[in-house]
């Protein structure tokens, strides 16, 4: 792929498809895939939910930043970040310096459909559309600063990965 910096960072709300799309995109462009949440779990030995429950969101955000900044990014990588990762200015700046940021934009209806039966630390049970909308509204001004925005509602992960590949080529 020409004219692409070394790394691609996928940002967006929970349920937007960052991990699914990231795996496919990395395969398409012969790159390494890194799921930041999975790296946190691997390095800390704790689940995301237990970190939130036992230590709180602020501690989780610290784990997130420390894990990201400690990644081995010598080779081109596709990194699926957590939904709140880009909210910290130093995290957003770090991504900008190392590569391209792609926002996987999903509507609150689609996100609700995808995650309604999952346990998500920032969302009470039962998950309601207004919970998702409140989080999205608090993050949208950051997400909109991405290098590329991809609408995900009507496409499957393979199509989304292909669109990212085409637009960044």
N, C-alpha and C. Protein backbone atom coordinates (compact mmCIF):
# COMPACT_ATOMS: atom_id res chain seq x y z
N UNK A 1 0.84 -1.17 0.00
CA UNK A 1 0.00 0.00 0.00
C UNK A 1 0.89 1.23 0.00
N UNK A 2 0.72 2.07 -0.95
CA UNK A 2 1.56 3.27 -1.00
C UNK A 2 0.90 4.42 -0.26
N UNK A 3 1.72 5.37 0.12
CA UNK A 3 1.25 6.59 0.76
C UNK A 3 0.55 6.36 2.09
N UNK A 4 0.90 5.29 2.78
CA UNK A 4 0.36 5.05 4.10
C UNK A 4 1.51 5.05 5.07
N UNK A 5 1.34 5.75 6.16
CA UNK A 5 2.35 5.68 7.21
C UNK A 5 2.40 4.25 7.72
N UNK A 6 3.20 4.02 8.67
CA UNK A 6 3.48 2.68 9.13
C UNK A 6 2.28 1.92 9.72
N UNK A 7 1.40 2.60 10.43
CA UNK A 7 0.34 1.92 11.17
C UNK A 7 -1.03 2.50 10.86
N UNK A 8 -2.05 1.65 11.10
CA UNK A 8 -3.45 2.07 10.96
C UNK A 8 -4.11 1.82 12.31
N UNK A 9 -4.73 2.86 12.86
CA UNK A 9 -5.41 2.76 14.15
C UNK A 9 -6.91 2.87 13.91
N UNK A 10 -7.65 1.87 14.36
CA UNK A 10 -9.10 1.86 14.23
C UNK A 10 -9.71 2.36 15.53
N UNK A 11 -10.53 3.40 15.41
CA UNK A 11 -11.22 3.96 16.57
C UNK A 11 -12.71 3.89 16.32
N UNK A 12 -13.47 4.04 17.38
CA UNK A 12 -14.93 4.04 17.27
C UNK A 12 -15.56 3.44 18.50
N UNK A 13 -16.85 3.48 18.53
CA UNK A 13 -17.62 2.97 19.66
C UNK A 13 -17.50 1.46 19.78
N UNK A 14 -17.76 0.99 20.99
CA UNK A 14 -17.88 -0.46 21.19
C UNK A 14 -18.90 -1.00 20.20
N UNK A 15 -18.63 -2.15 19.63
CA UNK A 15 -19.56 -2.75 18.68
C UNK A 15 -19.48 -2.20 17.27
N UNK A 16 -18.53 -1.29 17.02
CA UNK A 16 -18.42 -0.72 15.66
C UNK A 16 -17.67 -1.65 14.70
N UNK A 17 -17.03 -2.68 15.23
CA UNK A 17 -16.36 -3.65 14.36
C UNK A 17 -14.85 -3.51 14.29
N UNK A 18 -14.26 -2.79 15.22
CA UNK A 18 -12.82 -2.53 15.16
C UNK A 18 -11.99 -3.82 15.12
N UNK A 19 -12.32 -4.77 15.99
CA UNK A 19 -11.55 -6.02 16.03
C UNK A 19 -11.80 -6.87 14.80
N UNK A 20 -13.05 -7.02 14.42
CA UNK A 20 -13.38 -7.85 13.24
C UNK A 20 -12.77 -7.28 11.97
N UNK A 21 -12.94 -5.99 11.77
CA UNK A 21 -12.41 -5.32 10.58
C UNK A 21 -10.88 -5.31 10.63
N UNK A 22 -10.33 -5.06 11.81
CA UNK A 22 -8.88 -4.99 11.95
C UNK A 22 -8.18 -6.27 11.54
N UNK A 23 -8.72 -7.41 11.96
CA UNK A 23 -8.12 -8.70 11.59
C UNK A 23 -8.11 -8.88 10.07
N UNK A 24 -9.21 -8.57 9.45
CA UNK A 24 -9.33 -8.74 8.00
C UNK A 24 -8.42 -7.76 7.28
N UNK A 25 -8.42 -6.50 7.70
CA UNK A 25 -7.58 -5.48 7.07
C UNK A 25 -6.11 -5.86 7.19
N UNK A 26 -5.68 -6.28 8.36
CA UNK A 26 -4.28 -6.66 8.56
C UNK A 26 -3.90 -7.80 7.61
N UNK A 27 -4.79 -8.75 7.47
CA UNK A 27 -4.54 -9.87 6.55
C UNK A 27 -4.42 -9.36 5.11
N UNK A 28 -5.32 -8.48 4.71
CA UNK A 28 -5.32 -7.94 3.34
C UNK A 28 -4.02 -7.21 3.01
N UNK A 29 -3.50 -6.47 3.97
CA UNK A 29 -2.32 -5.65 3.68
C UNK A 29 -1.03 -6.25 4.23
N UNK A 30 -1.10 -7.54 4.59
CA UNK A 30 0.08 -8.27 5.10
C UNK A 30 0.72 -7.53 6.27
N UNK A 31 -0.10 -7.21 7.23
CA UNK A 31 0.31 -6.44 8.38
C UNK A 31 -0.01 -7.23 9.66
N UNK A 32 0.54 -6.80 10.77
CA UNK A 32 0.25 -7.39 12.07
C UNK A 32 -1.04 -6.78 12.62
N UNK A 33 -1.87 -7.61 13.27
CA UNK A 33 -3.07 -7.10 13.91
C UNK A 33 -2.86 -7.10 15.42
N UNK A 34 -3.22 -5.99 16.06
CA UNK A 34 -3.14 -5.88 17.51
C UNK A 34 -4.48 -5.37 18.03
N UNK A 35 -5.09 -6.14 18.93
CA UNK A 35 -6.30 -5.71 19.62
C UNK A 35 -5.86 -5.19 20.98
N UNK A 36 -5.98 -3.89 21.19
CA UNK A 36 -5.47 -3.27 22.41
C UNK A 36 -6.11 -3.87 23.66
N UNK A 37 -7.41 -4.14 23.63
CA UNK A 37 -8.06 -4.75 24.79
C UNK A 37 -7.46 -6.13 25.09
N UNK A 38 -7.22 -6.92 24.07
CA UNK A 38 -6.63 -8.24 24.28
C UNK A 38 -5.22 -8.15 24.83
N UNK A 39 -4.48 -7.13 24.40
CA UNK A 39 -3.13 -6.90 24.93
C UNK A 39 -3.18 -6.52 26.41
N UNK A 40 -4.16 -5.71 26.78
CA UNK A 40 -4.32 -5.34 28.19
C UNK A 40 -4.60 -6.59 29.02
N UNK A 41 -5.49 -7.44 28.54
CA UNK A 41 -5.83 -8.69 29.24
C UNK A 41 -4.58 -9.56 29.37
N UNK A 42 -3.85 -9.69 28.29
CA UNK A 42 -2.65 -10.55 28.29
C UNK A 42 -1.60 -10.02 29.26
N UNK A 43 -1.35 -8.73 29.22
CA UNK A 43 -0.29 -8.15 30.05
C UNK A 43 -0.67 -8.04 31.53
N UNK A 44 -1.94 -7.75 31.80
CA UNK A 44 -2.36 -7.54 33.19
C UNK A 44 -2.81 -8.84 33.87
N UNK A 45 -3.22 -9.81 33.05
CA UNK A 45 -3.76 -11.04 33.62
C UNK A 45 -5.16 -10.87 34.17
N UNK A 46 -5.81 -9.76 33.81
CA UNK A 46 -7.16 -9.46 34.30
C UNK A 46 -8.08 -9.20 33.12
N UNK A 47 -9.36 -9.48 33.31
CA UNK A 47 -10.34 -9.16 32.27
C UNK A 47 -10.60 -7.65 32.31
N UNK A 48 -11.09 -7.13 31.19
CA UNK A 48 -11.44 -5.70 31.13
C UNK A 48 -12.49 -5.40 32.19
N UNK A 49 -13.48 -6.26 32.29
CA UNK A 49 -14.55 -6.06 33.27
C UNK A 49 -14.02 -6.03 34.70
N UNK A 50 -13.08 -6.93 35.02
CA UNK A 50 -12.56 -6.94 36.39
C UNK A 50 -11.73 -5.68 36.68
N UNK A 51 -11.01 -5.18 35.69
CA UNK A 51 -10.26 -3.94 35.89
C UNK A 51 -11.22 -2.80 36.21
N UNK A 52 -12.30 -2.69 35.41
CA UNK A 52 -13.29 -1.64 35.65
C UNK A 52 -13.93 -1.80 37.03
N UNK A 53 -14.32 -3.03 37.37
CA UNK A 53 -15.02 -3.30 38.63
C UNK A 53 -14.12 -3.08 39.84
N UNK A 54 -12.91 -3.61 39.78
CA UNK A 54 -12.02 -3.58 40.94
C UNK A 54 -11.22 -2.29 41.06
N UNK A 55 -10.86 -1.68 39.92
CA UNK A 55 -9.96 -0.54 39.96
C UNK A 55 -10.56 0.75 39.40
N UNK A 56 -11.63 0.64 38.62
CA UNK A 56 -12.30 1.81 38.08
C UNK A 56 -11.84 2.18 36.68
N UNK A 57 -12.62 3.07 36.06
CA UNK A 57 -12.34 3.47 34.68
C UNK A 57 -11.00 4.20 34.56
N UNK A 58 -10.68 5.04 35.53
CA UNK A 58 -9.43 5.80 35.45
C UNK A 58 -8.22 4.85 35.41
N UNK A 59 -8.26 3.81 36.22
CA UNK A 59 -7.17 2.81 36.21
C UNK A 59 -7.12 2.09 34.87
N UNK A 60 -8.30 1.76 34.33
CA UNK A 60 -8.33 1.09 33.03
C UNK A 60 -7.69 1.97 31.96
N UNK A 61 -8.00 3.26 31.97
CA UNK A 61 -7.44 4.18 30.97
C UNK A 61 -5.92 4.25 31.09
N UNK A 62 -5.41 4.12 32.29
CA UNK A 62 -3.96 4.08 32.49
C UNK A 62 -3.38 2.80 31.90
N UNK A 63 -4.02 1.67 32.17
CA UNK A 63 -3.60 0.39 31.56
C UNK A 63 -3.56 0.53 30.03
N UNK A 64 -4.62 1.15 29.50
CA UNK A 64 -4.75 1.32 28.05
C UNK A 64 -3.56 2.09 27.47
N UNK A 65 -3.26 3.23 28.07
CA UNK A 65 -2.16 4.07 27.58
C UNK A 65 -0.82 3.36 27.74
N UNK A 66 -0.57 2.80 28.91
CA UNK A 66 0.70 2.10 29.14
C UNK A 66 0.88 0.93 28.19
N UNK A 67 -0.19 0.19 27.95
CA UNK A 67 -0.12 -0.96 27.04
C UNK A 67 0.16 -0.49 25.62
N UNK A 68 -0.56 0.52 25.17
CA UNK A 68 -0.38 1.03 23.81
C UNK A 68 1.04 1.54 23.60
N UNK A 69 1.50 2.37 24.51
CA UNK A 69 2.82 2.96 24.37
C UNK A 69 3.93 1.91 24.48
N UNK A 70 3.60 0.76 25.06
CA UNK A 70 4.57 -0.33 25.19
C UNK A 70 4.52 -1.36 24.08
N UNK A 71 3.66 -1.15 23.09
CA UNK A 71 3.55 -2.10 21.99
C UNK A 71 4.82 -2.11 21.14
N UNK A 72 5.13 -3.27 20.61
CA UNK A 72 6.22 -3.39 19.65
C UNK A 72 5.65 -3.05 18.28
N UNK A 73 5.92 -1.85 17.82
CA UNK A 73 5.38 -1.39 16.54
C UNK A 73 6.48 -1.20 15.51
N UNK A 74 7.43 -2.13 15.50
CA UNK A 74 8.51 -2.06 14.51
C UNK A 74 7.99 -2.38 13.11
N UNK A 75 7.04 -3.31 13.04
CA UNK A 75 6.47 -3.72 11.75
C UNK A 75 5.12 -3.05 11.57
N UNK A 76 4.70 -2.86 10.31
CA UNK A 76 3.38 -2.25 10.06
C UNK A 76 2.29 -3.02 10.80
N UNK A 77 1.41 -2.26 11.45
CA UNK A 77 0.38 -2.86 12.28
C UNK A 77 -0.97 -2.20 12.05
N UNK A 78 -2.01 -2.99 12.26
CA UNK A 78 -3.37 -2.48 12.35
C UNK A 78 -3.74 -2.66 13.81
N UNK A 79 -4.09 -1.55 14.48
CA UNK A 79 -4.37 -1.58 15.91
C UNK A 79 -5.84 -1.22 16.15
N UNK A 80 -6.57 -2.15 16.76
CA UNK A 80 -7.95 -1.88 17.18
C UNK A 80 -7.88 -1.33 18.60
N UNK A 81 -8.24 -0.06 18.76
CA UNK A 81 -8.18 0.57 20.08
C UNK A 81 -9.49 0.38 20.81
N UNK A 82 -9.48 0.68 22.09
CA UNK A 82 -10.72 0.73 22.84
C UNK A 82 -11.48 1.99 22.46
N UNK A 83 -12.77 2.00 22.66
CA UNK A 83 -13.59 3.13 22.26
C UNK A 83 -13.19 4.45 22.91
N UNK A 84 -12.69 4.39 24.15
CA UNK A 84 -12.31 5.61 24.85
C UNK A 84 -10.84 5.98 24.71
N UNK A 85 -10.06 5.13 24.08
CA UNK A 85 -8.62 5.37 23.97
C UNK A 85 -8.26 6.72 23.34
N UNK A 86 -8.90 7.12 22.24
CA UNK A 86 -8.49 8.39 21.61
C UNK A 86 -8.89 9.64 22.39
N UNK A 87 -9.67 9.50 23.45
CA UNK A 87 -10.14 10.67 24.20
C UNK A 87 -9.00 11.37 24.94
N UNK A 88 -7.99 10.62 25.31
CA UNK A 88 -6.82 11.21 25.98
C UNK A 88 -5.94 11.83 24.91
N UNK A 89 -5.66 13.11 25.05
CA UNK A 89 -4.93 13.85 24.02
C UNK A 89 -3.60 13.21 23.66
N UNK A 90 -2.87 12.74 24.65
CA UNK A 90 -1.57 12.11 24.36
C UNK A 90 -1.73 10.84 23.54
N UNK A 91 -2.81 10.11 23.75
CA UNK A 91 -3.07 8.90 22.97
C UNK A 91 -3.37 9.25 21.51
N UNK A 92 -4.20 10.29 21.33
CA UNK A 92 -4.56 10.70 19.97
C UNK A 92 -3.33 11.20 19.23
N UNK A 93 -2.51 12.00 19.90
CA UNK A 93 -1.28 12.52 19.31
C UNK A 93 -0.33 11.38 18.94
N UNK A 94 -0.20 10.41 19.81
CA UNK A 94 0.64 9.23 19.57
C UNK A 94 0.20 8.51 18.29
N UNK A 95 -1.11 8.29 18.15
CA UNK A 95 -1.62 7.61 16.96
C UNK A 95 -1.34 8.44 15.71
N UNK A 96 -1.58 9.74 15.78
CA UNK A 96 -1.35 10.64 14.64
C UNK A 96 0.10 10.60 14.18
N UNK A 97 1.02 10.58 15.15
CA UNK A 97 2.44 10.56 14.83
C UNK A 97 2.89 9.25 14.18
N UNK A 98 2.22 8.16 14.56
CA UNK A 98 2.65 6.84 14.08
C UNK A 98 1.91 6.34 12.84
N UNK A 99 0.79 6.93 12.51
CA UNK A 99 0.06 6.39 11.37
C UNK A 99 -1.22 7.13 11.04
N UNK A 100 -2.13 6.38 10.46
CA UNK A 100 -3.45 6.91 10.07
C UNK A 100 -4.49 6.43 11.07
N UNK A 101 -5.44 7.32 11.37
CA UNK A 101 -6.53 6.99 12.28
C UNK A 101 -7.80 6.86 11.45
N UNK A 102 -8.48 5.73 11.63
CA UNK A 102 -9.71 5.45 10.89
C UNK A 102 -10.85 5.28 11.89
N UNK A 103 -11.88 6.11 11.75
CA UNK A 103 -13.06 6.02 12.60
C UNK A 103 -14.07 5.10 11.93
N UNK A 104 -14.41 4.01 12.60
CA UNK A 104 -15.48 3.13 12.15
C UNK A 104 -16.77 3.66 12.78
N UNK A 105 -17.52 4.38 11.97
CA UNK A 105 -18.70 5.10 12.44
C UNK A 105 -19.94 4.22 12.32
N UNK A 106 -20.58 4.00 13.46
CA UNK A 106 -21.80 3.19 13.51
C UNK A 106 -22.90 3.97 14.21
N UNK A 107 -24.13 3.74 13.79
CA UNK A 107 -25.26 4.40 14.44
C UNK A 107 -25.54 3.73 15.78
N UNK A 108 -26.21 4.47 16.66
CA UNK A 108 -26.54 3.91 17.98
C UNK A 108 -27.46 2.70 17.85
N UNK A 109 -28.33 2.69 16.84
CA UNK A 109 -29.22 1.54 16.64
C UNK A 109 -28.42 0.28 16.31
N UNK A 110 -27.45 0.41 15.42
CA UNK A 110 -26.64 -0.74 15.02
C UNK A 110 -25.76 -1.20 16.18
N UNK A 111 -25.18 -0.26 16.90
CA UNK A 111 -24.36 -0.62 18.06
C UNK A 111 -25.20 -1.38 19.08
N UNK A 112 -26.40 -0.87 19.37
CA UNK A 112 -27.28 -1.55 20.32
C UNK A 112 -27.58 -2.97 19.86
N UNK A 113 -27.88 -3.12 18.59
CA UNK A 113 -28.18 -4.44 18.05
C UNK A 113 -26.99 -5.39 18.24
N UNK A 114 -25.79 -4.90 18.03
CA UNK A 114 -24.59 -5.73 18.11
C UNK A 114 -24.18 -6.08 19.54
N UNK A 115 -24.44 -5.20 20.51
CA UNK A 115 -23.90 -5.43 21.86
C UNK A 115 -24.96 -5.67 22.94
N UNK A 116 -26.23 -5.68 22.58
CA UNK A 116 -27.28 -5.70 23.59
C UNK A 116 -27.23 -6.91 24.53
N UNK A 117 -26.62 -8.00 24.11
CA UNK A 117 -26.56 -9.19 24.95
C UNK A 117 -25.18 -9.39 25.57
N UNK A 118 -24.33 -8.38 25.49
CA UNK A 118 -22.98 -8.47 26.04
C UNK A 118 -22.89 -7.68 27.34
N UNK A 119 -21.89 -8.01 28.14
CA UNK A 119 -21.59 -7.20 29.33
C UNK A 119 -20.55 -6.18 28.93
N UNK A 120 -20.88 -4.92 29.06
CA UNK A 120 -19.97 -3.82 28.73
C UNK A 120 -19.79 -2.97 29.97
N UNK A 121 -18.55 -2.76 30.40
CA UNK A 121 -18.30 -2.05 31.66
C UNK A 121 -18.92 -0.66 31.78
N UNK A 122 -19.02 0.07 30.70
CA UNK A 122 -19.54 1.43 30.78
C UNK A 122 -21.06 1.51 30.66
N UNK A 123 -21.70 0.36 30.43
CA UNK A 123 -23.14 0.38 30.19
C UNK A 123 -23.90 -0.45 31.21
N UNK A 124 -24.98 0.13 31.77
CA UNK A 124 -25.80 -0.63 32.70
C UNK A 124 -26.65 -1.66 31.96
N UNK A 125 -27.11 -2.66 32.69
CA UNK A 125 -28.03 -3.64 32.11
C UNK A 125 -29.44 -3.26 32.48
N UNK A 126 -30.43 -3.36 31.64
CA UNK A 126 -30.27 -3.66 30.21
C UNK A 126 -29.70 -2.44 29.47
N UNK A 127 -28.96 -2.72 28.42
CA UNK A 127 -28.38 -1.65 27.62
C UNK A 127 -29.50 -0.98 26.83
N UNK A 128 -29.53 0.33 26.88
CA UNK A 128 -30.54 1.09 26.15
C UNK A 128 -29.87 2.01 25.15
N UNK A 129 -30.60 2.36 24.14
CA UNK A 129 -30.08 3.23 23.08
C UNK A 129 -29.55 4.55 23.64
N UNK A 130 -30.25 5.12 24.62
CA UNK A 130 -29.80 6.42 25.15
C UNK A 130 -28.46 6.31 25.86
N UNK A 131 -28.14 5.14 26.43
CA UNK A 131 -26.81 4.95 27.03
C UNK A 131 -25.73 5.07 25.96
N UNK A 132 -25.96 4.42 24.85
CA UNK A 132 -25.01 4.45 23.74
C UNK A 132 -24.90 5.86 23.17
N UNK A 133 -26.04 6.51 22.99
CA UNK A 133 -26.04 7.86 22.43
C UNK A 133 -25.29 8.84 23.33
N UNK A 134 -25.44 8.70 24.64
CA UNK A 134 -24.73 9.59 25.57
C UNK A 134 -23.22 9.43 25.45
N UNK A 135 -22.76 8.19 25.37
CA UNK A 135 -21.32 7.95 25.22
C UNK A 135 -20.85 8.48 23.87
N UNK A 136 -21.59 8.18 22.82
CA UNK A 136 -21.21 8.63 21.48
C UNK A 136 -21.13 10.16 21.42
N UNK A 137 -22.09 10.83 22.00
CA UNK A 137 -22.10 12.30 21.97
C UNK A 137 -20.88 12.88 22.71
N UNK A 138 -20.44 12.20 23.75
CA UNK A 138 -19.29 12.70 24.50
C UNK A 138 -17.97 12.45 23.76
N UNK A 139 -18.00 11.58 22.76
CA UNK A 139 -16.77 11.21 22.04
C UNK A 139 -16.70 11.72 20.60
N UNK A 140 -17.80 12.12 20.05
CA UNK A 140 -17.87 12.37 18.61
C UNK A 140 -16.89 13.45 18.15
N UNK A 141 -16.68 14.48 18.94
CA UNK A 141 -15.77 15.55 18.50
C UNK A 141 -14.34 15.04 18.36
N UNK A 142 -13.98 14.03 19.11
CA UNK A 142 -12.65 13.41 18.99
C UNK A 142 -12.64 12.47 17.79
N UNK A 143 -13.65 11.62 17.70
CA UNK A 143 -13.72 10.66 16.58
C UNK A 143 -13.67 11.38 15.23
N UNK A 144 -14.32 12.54 15.16
CA UNK A 144 -14.38 13.28 13.89
C UNK A 144 -13.01 13.80 13.44
N UNK A 145 -12.02 13.76 14.29
CA UNK A 145 -10.68 14.21 13.93
C UNK A 145 -9.85 13.12 13.24
N UNK A 146 -10.44 11.95 13.05
CA UNK A 146 -9.74 10.85 12.38
C UNK A 146 -9.36 11.25 10.96
N UNK A 147 -8.35 10.58 10.42
CA UNK A 147 -7.93 10.83 9.04
C UNK A 147 -8.96 10.34 8.03
N UNK A 148 -9.71 9.32 8.41
CA UNK A 148 -10.68 8.70 7.51
C UNK A 148 -11.86 8.23 8.33
N UNK A 149 -13.07 8.47 7.83
CA UNK A 149 -14.29 7.98 8.47
C UNK A 149 -14.96 6.98 7.54
N UNK A 150 -15.29 5.82 8.09
CA UNK A 150 -15.95 4.77 7.32
C UNK A 150 -17.28 4.44 7.98
N UNK A 151 -18.37 4.61 7.25
CA UNK A 151 -19.70 4.25 7.75
C UNK A 151 -19.80 2.72 7.73
N UNK A 152 -20.18 2.13 8.86
CA UNK A 152 -20.17 0.67 8.95
C UNK A 152 -21.55 0.01 8.99
N UNK A 153 -22.60 0.78 9.13
CA UNK A 153 -23.93 0.21 9.37
C UNK A 153 -24.39 -0.79 8.31
N UNK A 154 -24.13 -0.51 7.05
CA UNK A 154 -24.70 -1.32 5.98
C UNK A 154 -23.71 -2.31 5.36
N UNK A 155 -22.55 -2.47 5.98
CA UNK A 155 -21.52 -3.30 5.37
C UNK A 155 -21.00 -4.34 6.34
N UNK A 156 -20.50 -5.44 5.78
CA UNK A 156 -19.90 -6.45 6.64
C UNK A 156 -18.40 -6.15 6.80
N UNK A 157 -17.73 -6.79 7.76
CA UNK A 157 -16.32 -6.48 8.02
C UNK A 157 -15.41 -6.60 6.79
N UNK A 158 -15.66 -7.55 5.95
CA UNK A 158 -14.85 -7.72 4.74
C UNK A 158 -14.97 -6.49 3.83
N UNK A 159 -16.19 -6.02 3.62
CA UNK A 159 -16.41 -4.83 2.78
C UNK A 159 -15.77 -3.58 3.40
N UNK A 160 -15.87 -3.47 4.71
CA UNK A 160 -15.30 -2.31 5.40
C UNK A 160 -13.79 -2.32 5.28
N UNK A 161 -13.19 -3.48 5.49
CA UNK A 161 -11.72 -3.60 5.37
C UNK A 161 -11.27 -3.23 3.96
N UNK A 162 -12.01 -3.69 2.97
CA UNK A 162 -11.67 -3.38 1.58
C UNK A 162 -11.78 -1.88 1.32
N UNK A 163 -12.81 -1.25 1.86
CA UNK A 163 -12.97 0.19 1.67
C UNK A 163 -11.82 0.97 2.30
N UNK A 164 -11.40 0.56 3.50
CA UNK A 164 -10.27 1.22 4.15
C UNK A 164 -9.02 1.05 3.30
N UNK A 165 -8.79 -0.17 2.86
CA UNK A 165 -7.62 -0.47 2.03
C UNK A 165 -7.62 0.41 0.78
N UNK A 166 -8.76 0.49 0.10
CA UNK A 166 -8.86 1.29 -1.13
C UNK A 166 -8.63 2.78 -0.86
N UNK A 167 -9.21 3.29 0.22
CA UNK A 167 -9.12 4.73 0.49
C UNK A 167 -7.75 5.15 0.99
N UNK A 168 -7.02 4.23 1.61
CA UNK A 168 -5.70 4.57 2.11
C UNK A 168 -4.60 4.23 1.11
N UNK A 169 -4.95 3.54 0.03
CA UNK A 169 -3.95 3.14 -0.96
C UNK A 169 -3.52 4.34 -1.81
